[in-house]
Amino acid sequence: MSEISVSELQQRYSHQGFISAIPVLDEAELSQIRRGFSDLEREFGQQYTQYSLHNVHLQYPWVMDLAKHPRLLQPVQAILGSDVILLDSRFICKYPTTQRDKSTATQQGEEELRSSEKETVQPFVAWHQDMRYWGISGGPVLSVWLALDDSLADNGALQVIPESHCSGLLPHHQASRPGNMLTVNQEIPEELVQTERALLCPLQAGQMSIHDGFLIHASGPNTSQKRRCGFVIRYVPTCAFPIQDPDRPRRFPATVMASGTDQFKHFCSRP
C-alpha cells in the first residue's frame, strides 16, 4: 500500500465503492500459490476447481495464510478497522472455453467439432451485488479479488459501476442468459444497471481489488487462450452480525478471526 496513503484509500473507497490494482504478492509468493492451486487442479479437476473450491481456507494452511497475508489485510483493516473476521472464501476460475480435451478432436468430425464449439456456453458473472446473498447487518461486507493470473478484458476481468454502492440493495431476478456462474443464477435487471458507466478493473497476477458489498459488478466470459483464476475473500468487522432473512438464507460455518480481537462474538469464529 506504499503507493496510496491510508486516508486516500479510505476516501476513494468511500466515494467510488472499490479500489483496484493493489499489490499483494511478490514473484516468489505468487509462484508458491500457483503451485498450490495446480495441486488442487490435479486432485479435483478443472470442472470442480472452476467454482467449487469453497472455504478451503479451513483445509489447507497455505490458503489460510493467503487469506491472512499482511499486505492483503492492510487495506482491509484501513476500511473495516483492526478487528476483522474472514467470513467466506472461494477460488473462481474461468478456463479458456476453447480448451478442449484433445481426444474430442479425434473422436468427432471437423464439422461436428465446429458445431459443438459454437454451442459451448461461456461462463460469465452477471451484474449483481454481493449483499444480495449475504444476510449481514451491523457493518459492511468487503470483498477481495486476488488475482492468481493476469485478469484482463479478454479473459473476463471484473467490471464495476463506480459509486453504485450508494444505491442500496437492488432487486435481482432470474438470469435468462446461460452460463451465469452465480450459484442462484440471478442478475440485476438491465434497466437498473448504468452499463454506460461500467469500468474495467484489470489486474496483474499478484494484485487485488477490493469492493463494497453493495457495489454493482460483473465479469464477462473468457474469450482468450489464458486462464483467469482468482481468490475471492469476504471480510466483515467484528461488529457485524448475521440476520435471519428468508430472501438471503446464508450460513457462515467457516468464519475465522483474520486480525484483532472479537468483543462481540456474533460469529463462531476460529482463532
Protein backbone atom coordinates (compact mmCIF):
# COMPACT_ATOMS: atom_id res chain seq x y z
CA MET A 1 0.00 0.00 0.00
CA SER A 2 3.05 2.21 -0.41
CA GLU A 3 1.63 3.96 -3.50
CA ILE A 4 -1.51 5.22 -1.74
CA SER A 5 -1.95 6.61 1.78
CA VAL A 6 -4.45 5.16 4.20
CA SER A 7 -6.53 8.35 4.18
CA GLU A 8 -6.61 8.46 0.37
CA LEU A 9 -7.58 4.79 0.20
CA GLN A 10 -10.42 5.37 2.66
CA GLN A 11 -11.66 8.40 0.75
CA ARG A 12 -11.55 6.69 -2.63
CA TYR A 13 -13.21 3.54 -1.32
CA SER A 14 -15.96 5.53 0.40
CA HIS A 15 -16.61 7.59 -2.73
CA GLN A 16 -16.41 5.01 -5.54
CA GLY A 17 -17.02 1.74 -3.65
CA PHE A 18 -13.87 -0.04 -4.80
CA ILE A 19 -10.08 0.16 -5.12
CA SER A 20 -8.20 -1.79 -7.78
CA ALA A 21 -4.65 -2.90 -8.64
CA ILE A 22 -3.37 -3.11 -5.04
CA PRO A 23 -0.07 -5.06 -4.98
CA VAL A 24 -0.05 -8.06 -2.62
CA LEU A 25 2.15 -10.99 -3.72
CA ASP A 26 5.74 -10.86 -4.86
CA GLU A 27 7.01 -13.22 -7.56
CA ALA A 28 8.17 -15.91 -5.13
CA GLU A 29 4.89 -15.86 -3.21
CA LEU A 30 2.86 -15.93 -6.42
CA SER A 31 4.80 -18.95 -7.73
CA GLN A 32 4.17 -20.80 -4.47
CA ILE A 33 0.44 -20.03 -4.52
CA ARG A 34 0.16 -21.11 -8.15
CA ARG A 35 1.86 -24.41 -7.34
CA GLY A 36 -0.62 -24.97 -4.54
CA PHE A 37 -3.54 -24.28 -6.86
CA SER A 38 -2.08 -26.53 -9.56
CA ASP A 39 -2.05 -29.33 -6.99
CA LEU A 40 -5.77 -28.75 -6.41
CA GLU A 41 -6.44 -28.80 -10.15
CA ARG A 42 -4.69 -32.15 -10.46
CA GLU A 43 -6.55 -33.55 -7.45
CA PHE A 44 -10.06 -32.36 -8.28
CA GLY A 45 -10.08 -31.49 -12.00
CA GLN A 46 -10.91 -28.21 -13.68
CA GLN A 47 -14.65 -28.76 -13.70
CA TYR A 48 -14.52 -28.68 -9.90
CA THR A 49 -11.86 -26.02 -9.40
CA GLN A 50 -13.78 -23.62 -11.64
CA TYR A 51 -16.16 -22.67 -8.80
CA SER A 52 -16.40 -25.38 -6.14
CA LEU A 53 -13.30 -24.71 -4.02
CA HIS A 54 -15.38 -23.05 -1.32
CA ASN A 55 -14.00 -22.20 2.14
CA VAL A 56 -10.94 -24.37 1.65
CA HIS A 57 -9.02 -21.99 3.90
CA LEU A 58 -10.15 -24.40 6.63
CA GLN A 59 -8.46 -27.35 4.90
CA TYR A 60 -5.20 -26.02 3.51
CA PRO A 61 -2.80 -23.96 5.64
CA TRP A 62 -1.40 -22.17 2.59
CA VAL A 63 -4.88 -20.91 1.71
CA MET A 64 -5.42 -19.69 5.28
CA ASP A 65 -2.04 -17.94 5.17
CA LEU A 66 -3.04 -16.30 1.90
CA ALA A 67 -6.31 -15.02 3.40
CA LYS A 68 -4.34 -13.55 6.30
CA HIS A 69 -1.46 -12.17 4.25
CA PRO A 70 -0.25 -8.92 5.87
CA ARG A 71 -0.22 -6.93 2.61
CA LEU A 72 -3.73 -8.17 1.84
CA LEU A 73 -5.08 -7.29 5.28
CA GLN A 74 -3.53 -3.82 5.38
CA PRO A 75 -6.11 -2.14 3.10
CA VAL A 76 -8.89 -4.34 4.51
CA GLN A 77 -8.12 -3.05 8.01
CA ALA A 78 -7.90 0.50 6.70
CA ILE A 79 -11.54 0.19 5.61
CA LEU A 80 -13.04 -2.11 8.28
CA GLY A 81 -10.85 -1.37 11.30
CA SER A 82 -8.35 -3.56 13.09
CA ASP A 83 -10.82 -6.22 14.27
CA VAL A 84 -11.74 -8.24 11.18
CA ILE A 85 -13.48 -11.56 10.56
CA LEU A 86 -12.84 -13.68 7.48
CA LEU A 87 -16.41 -14.55 6.53
CA ASP A 88 -16.07 -16.76 3.46
CA SER A 89 -13.68 -17.64 0.63
CA ARG A 90 -13.80 -19.17 -2.82
CA PHE A 91 -11.47 -19.75 -5.76
CA ILE A 92 -13.04 -18.73 -9.06
CA CYS A 93 -11.50 -19.83 -12.37
CA LYS A 94 -12.58 -19.06 -15.89
CA TYR A 95 -10.80 -21.52 -18.13
CA PRO A 96 -10.49 -20.89 -21.87
CA THR A 97 -13.66 -22.22 -23.48
CA THR A 98 -11.60 -23.50 -26.41
CA GLN A 99 -9.51 -25.60 -24.03
CA ARG A 100 -10.90 -28.94 -25.06
CA ASP A 101 -9.78 -32.47 -24.48
CA LYS A 102 -7.62 -33.39 -27.47
CA SER A 103 -9.33 -36.76 -27.64
CA THR A 104 -12.54 -34.94 -28.58
CA ALA A 105 -10.98 -33.76 -31.80
CA THR A 106 -10.04 -37.29 -32.79
CA GLN A 107 -13.50 -38.66 -31.98
CA GLN A 108 -15.50 -36.01 -33.82
CA GLY A 109 -15.53 -35.00 -37.43
CA GLU A 110 -14.45 -31.48 -38.30
CA GLU A 111 -17.98 -30.24 -38.97
CA GLU A 112 -19.32 -31.80 -35.76
CA LEU A 113 -16.49 -30.25 -33.77
CA ARG A 114 -17.13 -26.79 -35.19
CA SER A 115 -20.82 -27.16 -34.43
CA SER A 116 -20.21 -28.22 -30.81
CA GLU A 117 -17.79 -25.31 -30.27
CA LYS A 118 -20.47 -22.87 -31.41
CA GLU A 119 -22.81 -24.33 -28.81
CA THR A 120 -20.27 -24.07 -25.98
CA VAL A 121 -21.67 -21.98 -23.13
CA GLN A 122 -19.12 -19.42 -21.98
CA PRO A 123 -19.19 -18.86 -18.20
CA PHE A 124 -19.66 -15.27 -17.06
CA VAL A 125 -20.84 -13.45 -13.93
CA ALA A 126 -23.99 -11.34 -14.30
CA TRP A 127 -24.44 -7.86 -12.85
CA HIS A 128 -25.14 -8.28 -9.14
CA GLN A 129 -24.46 -7.06 -5.61
CA ASP A 130 -22.75 -9.36 -3.11
CA MET A 131 -25.11 -8.24 -0.34
CA ARG A 132 -27.97 -9.89 -2.20
CA TYR A 133 -26.53 -13.19 -0.98
CA TRP A 134 -25.22 -12.19 2.46
CA GLY A 135 -27.63 -11.86 5.40
CA ILE A 136 -25.39 -9.46 7.30
CA SER A 137 -26.18 -6.31 9.26
CA GLY A 138 -24.37 -4.07 11.73
CA GLY A 139 -21.36 -3.50 9.47
CA PRO A 140 -20.16 -3.60 5.86
CA VAL A 141 -19.05 -6.62 3.86
CA LEU A 142 -15.82 -6.10 1.93
CA SER A 143 -14.88 -8.42 -0.94
CA VAL A 144 -11.32 -9.08 -2.05
CA TRP A 145 -10.49 -10.35 -5.54
CA LEU A 146 -6.87 -11.53 -5.56
CA ALA A 147 -5.51 -12.40 -9.00
CA LEU A 148 -3.52 -15.63 -9.43
CA ASP A 149 -3.39 -14.91 -13.17
CA ASP A 150 -3.44 -11.66 -15.12
CA SER A 151 -7.07 -10.58 -15.24
CA LEU A 152 -7.74 -8.62 -18.43
CA ALA A 153 -10.58 -7.67 -20.74
CA ASP A 154 -10.21 -10.73 -22.97
CA ASN A 155 -10.21 -13.30 -20.16
CA GLY A 156 -13.11 -11.85 -18.22
CA ALA A 157 -11.80 -9.22 -15.79
CA LEU A 158 -14.01 -7.61 -13.17
CA GLN A 159 -16.25 -4.75 -14.25
CA VAL A 160 -17.81 -2.32 -11.78
CA ILE A 161 -20.28 0.55 -11.76
CA PRO A 162 -18.49 3.24 -9.73
CA GLU A 163 -20.48 4.78 -6.86
CA SER A 164 -23.29 2.23 -7.27
CA HIS A 165 -22.76 1.08 -3.66
CA CYS A 166 -24.75 4.16 -2.65
CA SER A 167 -27.92 2.83 -4.32
CA GLY A 168 -28.83 0.36 -1.57
CA LEU A 169 -29.91 -3.21 -2.28
CA LEU A 170 -31.46 -3.51 -5.75
CA PRO A 171 -33.90 -6.19 -6.93
CA HIS A 172 -32.42 -9.27 -8.58
CA HIS A 173 -34.26 -11.73 -10.83
CA GLN A 174 -33.50 -15.00 -12.58
CA ALA A 175 -30.97 -14.60 -15.36
CA SER A 176 -32.09 -15.75 -18.81
CA ARG A 177 -28.66 -15.92 -20.44
CA PRO A 178 -27.00 -19.34 -19.99
CA GLY A 179 -23.58 -19.56 -18.36
CA ASN A 180 -24.07 -17.37 -15.30
CA MET A 181 -21.60 -18.60 -12.65
CA LEU A 182 -23.60 -17.18 -9.74
CA THR A 183 -24.91 -20.12 -7.72
CA VAL A 184 -28.52 -18.91 -7.68
CA ASN A 185 -28.39 -17.69 -11.31
CA GLN A 186 -29.64 -14.18 -10.56
CA GLU A 187 -28.92 -10.77 -12.01
CA ILE A 188 -29.97 -7.16 -11.59
CA PRO A 189 -32.48 -6.14 -14.28
CA GLU A 190 -30.57 -4.43 -17.07
CA GLU A 191 -32.70 -1.29 -16.88
CA LEU A 192 -31.33 -0.72 -13.35
CA VAL A 193 -27.67 -1.02 -14.36
CA GLN A 194 -25.93 2.01 -15.83
CA THR A 195 -23.72 -0.07 -18.09
CA GLU A 196 -22.52 3.05 -19.91
CA ARG A 197 -20.63 3.89 -16.69
CA ALA A 198 -19.05 0.44 -16.36
CA LEU A 199 -15.34 0.44 -15.59
CA LEU A 200 -12.98 -2.46 -16.25
CA CYS A 201 -10.66 -3.38 -13.37
CA PRO A 202 -7.70 -5.24 -14.91
CA LEU A 203 -5.24 -6.85 -12.51
CA GLN A 204 -1.76 -8.23 -12.87
CA ALA A 205 -1.18 -11.57 -11.18
CA GLY A 206 -0.44 -10.88 -7.52
CA GLN A 207 -2.59 -7.74 -7.38
CA MET A 208 -6.03 -7.47 -5.81
CA SER A 209 -9.11 -5.31 -5.92
CA ILE A 210 -11.48 -4.63 -3.02
CA HIS A 211 -15.11 -3.64 -3.29
CA ASP A 212 -18.11 -2.86 -1.11
CA GLY A 213 -20.87 -5.44 -0.73
CA PHE A 214 -23.40 -3.11 -2.35
CA LEU A 215 -21.27 -2.28 -5.40
CA ILE A 216 -22.80 -3.44 -8.70
CA HIS A 217 -20.27 -5.57 -10.56
CA ALA A 218 -19.94 -8.35 -13.13
CA SER A 219 -17.41 -10.06 -15.36
CA GLY A 220 -17.57 -11.24 -18.95
CA PRO A 221 -16.63 -14.61 -20.46
CA ASN A 222 -13.06 -15.71 -21.06
CA THR A 223 -12.62 -15.43 -24.82
CA SER A 224 -8.83 -15.77 -24.69
CA GLN A 225 -6.46 -18.73 -24.53
CA LYS A 226 -5.43 -17.78 -20.98
CA ARG A 227 -6.85 -18.98 -17.67
CA ARG A 228 -8.26 -16.32 -15.36
CA CYS A 229 -8.11 -17.50 -11.75
CA GLY A 230 -8.65 -15.53 -8.58
CA PHE A 231 -9.19 -15.96 -4.85
CA VAL A 232 -12.31 -14.22 -3.55
CA ILE A 233 -12.48 -13.48 0.17
CA ARG A 234 -15.20 -11.72 2.16
CA TYR A 235 -14.38 -9.82 5.34
CA VAL A 236 -16.54 -8.06 7.93
CA PRO A 237 -15.77 -6.02 11.04
CA THR A 238 -16.49 -7.83 14.30
CA CYS A 239 -19.44 -5.50 14.97
CA ALA A 240 -21.31 -7.06 12.01
CA PHE A 241 -23.76 -9.89 12.68
CA PRO A 242 -25.82 -12.45 10.74
CA ILE A 243 -29.55 -11.86 10.37
CA GLN A 244 -32.48 -14.15 9.67
CA ASP A 245 -33.60 -13.09 6.22
CA PRO A 246 -35.63 -15.63 4.20
CA ASP A 247 -34.51 -13.89 1.00
CA ARG A 248 -30.86 -14.30 2.00
CA PRO A 249 -30.69 -17.65 3.84
CA ARG A 250 -26.94 -17.87 4.30
CA ARG A 251 -24.97 -19.80 6.90
CA PHE A 252 -21.44 -18.86 7.91
CA PRO A 253 -19.71 -22.07 9.03
CA ALA A 254 -16.18 -21.05 8.08
CA THR A 255 -15.62 -17.75 9.89
CA VAL A 256 -12.12 -17.08 11.19
CA MET A 257 -10.55 -14.18 13.04
CA ALA A 258 -8.39 -12.50 10.44
CA SER A 259 -6.98 -9.83 12.74
CA GLY A 260 -7.50 -8.18 16.11
CA THR A 261 -9.95 -9.36 18.77
CA ASP A 262 -13.68 -10.09 18.80
CA GLN A 263 -15.53 -8.49 21.69
CA PHE A 264 -18.95 -9.07 20.12
CA LYS A 265 -18.90 -12.85 19.45
CA HIS A 266 -21.60 -12.64 16.76
CA PHE A 267 -19.95 -15.46 14.81
CA CYS A 268 -18.46 -18.74 15.98
CA SER A 269 -15.09 -17.68 14.63
CA ARG A 270 -11.99 -19.78 14.86
CA PRO A 271 -8.83 -18.05 16.07
